[in-house]
Protein backbone atom coordinates (compact mmCIF):
# COMPACT_ATOMS: atom_id res chain seq x y z
CA MET A 1 27.77 12.34 33.79
CA SER A 2 25.49 10.19 31.65
CA ARG A 3 21.73 10.19 31.85
CA PRO A 4 19.74 7.02 32.46
CA PRO A 5 17.94 5.64 29.39
CA SER A 6 14.51 7.12 28.77
CA LYS A 7 11.38 5.03 29.23
CA ALA A 8 11.06 4.80 25.44
CA VAL A 9 14.54 3.30 25.14
CA LYS A 10 13.85 0.88 27.98
CA SER A 11 10.55 -0.07 26.35
CA SER A 12 12.07 -0.68 22.92
CA GLY A 13 14.81 -2.73 24.60
CA SER A 14 12.34 -4.98 26.40
CA ASP A 15 10.18 -5.25 23.29
CA ALA A 16 13.29 -6.13 21.29
CA ALA A 17 14.25 -8.82 23.80
CA THR A 18 10.77 -10.35 23.57
CA LEU A 19 10.85 -10.39 19.75
CA HIS A 20 14.39 -11.73 19.77
CA GLY A 21 13.31 -14.56 22.08
CA SER A 22 10.47 -15.54 19.75
CA TYR A 23 12.72 -15.42 16.71
CA THR A 24 15.59 -17.37 18.25
CA ARG A 25 13.28 -20.05 19.69
CA VAL A 26 12.12 -20.85 16.15
CA THR A 27 15.53 -20.56 14.48
CA ASP A 28 17.26 -22.61 17.19
CA ALA A 29 14.64 -25.34 16.78
CA LEU A 30 15.22 -25.27 13.02
CA ARG A 31 18.98 -25.55 13.50
CA ASN A 32 18.54 -28.45 15.91
CA SER A 33 16.21 -30.35 13.59
CA MET A 34 17.59 -29.45 10.15
CA GLY A 35 21.15 -28.32 10.71
CA GLU A 36 22.66 -24.93 9.96
CA ALA A 37 22.41 -25.32 6.18
CA GLY A 38 18.71 -26.20 6.38
CA ARG A 39 17.98 -23.33 8.74
CA ALA A 40 19.85 -20.86 6.53
CA ALA A 41 18.10 -22.07 3.36
CA LEU A 42 14.64 -21.75 4.91
CA LEU A 43 15.38 -18.30 6.31
CA ALA A 44 16.81 -17.10 2.99
CA ARG A 45 13.70 -18.23 1.12
CA ALA A 46 11.30 -16.81 3.72
CA LEU A 47 13.24 -13.53 3.74
CA ALA A 48 13.04 -13.30 -0.06
CA CYS A 49 9.26 -13.72 0.19
CA THR A 50 8.69 -11.18 2.99
CA GLU A 51 11.41 -8.52 2.77
CA GLN A 52 9.70 -6.32 0.18
CA ALA A 53 6.53 -6.04 2.25
CA HIS A 54 8.50 -5.54 5.48
CA PRO A 55 11.50 -3.21 4.99
CA ALA A 56 12.38 -3.50 8.69
CA LEU A 57 13.76 -6.99 7.94
CA LYS A 58 16.60 -5.46 5.90
CA GLU A 59 18.09 -3.95 9.06
CA LEU A 60 17.95 -7.15 11.09
CA HIS A 61 20.76 -9.02 9.29
CA VAL A 62 18.72 -12.23 9.23
CA LEU A 63 21.29 -14.01 7.07
CA GLY A 64 24.38 -12.58 8.78
CA ASP A 65 26.94 -14.71 10.58
CA ASP A 66 25.78 -13.47 13.98
CA GLY A 67 22.09 -13.79 13.20
CA VAL A 68 19.54 -11.31 14.48
CA ARG A 69 20.75 -9.41 17.55
CA VAL A 70 18.64 -7.70 20.20
CA ASP A 71 20.41 -4.40 19.46
CA ASP A 72 19.44 -4.63 15.77
CA ILE A 73 15.80 -5.25 16.71
CA ALA A 74 15.83 -2.31 19.14
CA ALA A 75 17.33 -0.02 16.48
CA SER A 76 14.74 -1.18 13.98
CA ILE A 77 11.96 -0.49 16.49
CA ASP A 78 13.32 3.03 16.94
CA THR A 79 13.29 3.51 13.15
CA HIS A 80 10.13 1.69 12.06
CA GLY A 81 8.07 1.38 15.23
CA GLN A 82 7.08 -1.56 17.40
CA GLU A 83 4.12 -2.65 15.28
CA GLU A 84 6.08 -2.78 12.01
CA VAL A 85 9.00 -4.71 13.46
CA THR A 86 6.67 -7.15 15.19
CA ALA A 87 4.74 -7.63 11.94
CA ALA A 88 8.01 -8.12 10.04
CA ILE A 89 9.33 -10.81 12.39
CA GLU A 90 5.95 -12.53 12.51
CA ALA A 91 5.83 -12.48 8.69
CA LEU A 92 9.32 -13.99 8.49
CA ILE A 93 8.45 -16.78 10.94
CA GLY A 94 5.14 -17.28 9.12
CA GLY A 95 7.03 -17.54 5.85
CA VAL A 96 9.25 -20.26 7.30
CA LEU A 97 6.18 -22.15 8.52
CA ASP A 98 4.48 -21.80 5.13
CA ILE A 99 7.51 -23.17 3.28
CA LEU A 100 7.90 -26.06 5.71
CA SER A 101 4.17 -26.82 5.60
CA ARG A 102 4.30 -27.17 1.83
CA LEU A 103 7.33 -29.45 2.08
CA VAL A 104 6.48 -31.71 5.02
CA GLY A 105 2.97 -30.82 6.15
CA ALA A 106 1.67 -28.51 8.84
CA ASP A 107 2.02 -30.91 11.78
CA MET A 108 5.66 -31.67 11.04
CA ALA A 109 6.40 -27.99 10.38
CA MET A 110 5.08 -27.11 13.82
CA GLN A 111 7.28 -29.78 15.39
CA LEU A 112 10.38 -28.71 13.47
CA THR A 113 9.99 -25.10 14.59
CA GLY A 114 9.29 -25.97 18.19
CA ASP A 115 5.65 -24.88 18.03
CA GLY A 116 4.20 -28.35 18.14
CA VAL A 117 3.99 -30.82 20.94
CA PRO A 118 6.04 -33.94 20.22
CA ARG A 119 3.81 -36.83 19.31
CA PRO A 120 4.17 -40.00 21.36
CA GLN A 121 5.94 -42.82 19.56
CA PRO A 122 4.44 -46.32 19.56
CA GLN A 123 5.81 -48.57 22.28
CA GLY A 124 7.64 -51.72 21.25
CA GLY A 125 6.83 -53.33 17.95
CA ASP A 126 3.05 -53.14 18.33
CA ARG A 127 1.47 -51.29 15.43
CA ALA A 128 -2.08 -51.21 14.28
CA THR A 129 -2.40 -52.96 10.92
C-alpha cells in the first residue's frame, strides 16, 4: 500500500509546474519566431552565461532533446530549494532577453519572447513621411 505524496512533494510539484510554464512560454515563443536552431543558440549562450552562478541549471537539461521537464524542475527544487531554482530559471530567461536586447533591441526582444504586446501595423500604404 503506497502513501499519498506529502505536502512538500505536492508543493514542489505545483511550484515546478509554474516554473515550467514560465520557461516553456518563453522558449516556445522563441521557437515560433526564430526556429529551433535560433532558440537552441540563444539558450546555449544564456546557459553559458548563467550556469556558473546557478548550479541548479545543470540538472534541468536545458539543451537536451526533450527540453526542461517538470520532473527535472521538481527534483531540482528538492535538491536546491524553491528560491534557488526560481532564481536560476529567471536568470536563464533574463540572459536570453539580455542577448536578444543587444542584438535587436529591447522592444523586439520582448515581442520575440512573448513578453511584449504586438505592435499594430500601419493600414494600407499610408505612412508618415
